[in-house]
Amino acid sequence: MPGTPFLLVEPRGGNFAQDEERVELLLDFGLARRAPGRVTIYAPQGFAIGADALAGAPLGAAVIDTVSSSGRGARLRGSIAVLPFDPGVAEAGRLCSGTEPTGAWVLRLARSGRRVEVPVYLARSLAPDSAGTEYRLDLCLGALAPPQGGPTPSVWAIRLSLTDVRQPAAQGSYLWRAIVTPLAGDQRSLRPGAAYELRGRVPIPHRLTLRGDYVAKARVALLRGTLRARGNGRPGIDIAIVKLDRAVTETGFIVRDAAVAIVRSTNSGSYVVRVPVSRTTGFLAYAIPVESGCASSDIAPAGCLSATTAGVESDPVTVGVP
């Protein structure tokens, strides 16, 4: 359904020298009436989220997209770091989450000269929290309100790129859960009775292979591979073929990648597609995430709104053209 909130969790990166391994969390909140005042993320057992990192240690990057009451959008970007955990931070965490925190992070964000710090409080996941989880992360979004006072802007998306997260070694289907507590009509207080759940599932191992050959007669790249989750082929999944276009300049690294084809995996999880090429070209395949409904929630009064299964990238290949 258009506008339905979702949670997507994907291990990414590690395919290029400038692209380190990370876990990407994307929360999209859809319609403004579902804009969050607090988000609680439950990390499943097996994912090590850097809870023991030292104060000041970098943990990754964050992006928060907001829209004001006047309809003006803003994107805040910045870094994630570990906060020194002192009594003041612990008390703020208790007020935010209603539980006893064991640590804290901070999202240090900026836009057009304005700097904002959004706290994230860590706590052990205990009953009656979500079963099968180890840690909970509470994001308290009231920090986004203007310093001179006024309503909290509506947050419509949060992206956390966590570089200090280790994936599980054991095979399995790992469930991340997020409880979103919306803002009330005054754009300041919370509506706990309207809290809803979003789910993101990560299969491990999750593999997408890609091979490429040049067919001179047809002047095409013949690209093929297989999508597998936990050792089994995944049928009926859309796979995007991405043409790589990257360059290193004096000002940084430029990415101009573009999707050039979509192909669906067969009953065995395999796929094959032909893409016209005129010169030596690099390609990457990406299995597109699958979104579905979900059963009723045991931890959110307003129920579970959506569940996603992560996508996965292949290693890149180069198809040489003589």
Foldseek 3Di string as FASTA:
>chain_A
DAQFWAWAWDFDFPQDPVTATWIKIKTFRGDLQQFFQKKKKFFFPQKDQCPVPDFFDWFFKKWWWFAAPVGDIDIKIFTKTWHDDDPVNQVVVCVQPVDGFPGKMWHFIDDPHDTFIWIWTKDAADPPGDPRTGIMIMTRQLSCADPVDAARTGIRMMMTITNPMDGGPDFDKTKMKMWGWHDDPRNHDTDQLQIEMHMEIEGPPWAWAWDWEADVVVQKIKIKTFTDGSRFGDFFWKKWKKWWDWDADPVGIDTDIDTDDIWTAHPRRMTIDIGHDDAKTKIKMKGCKDKDADDFDPPGNNGYRIYIYHMYIYNMDIYGDD
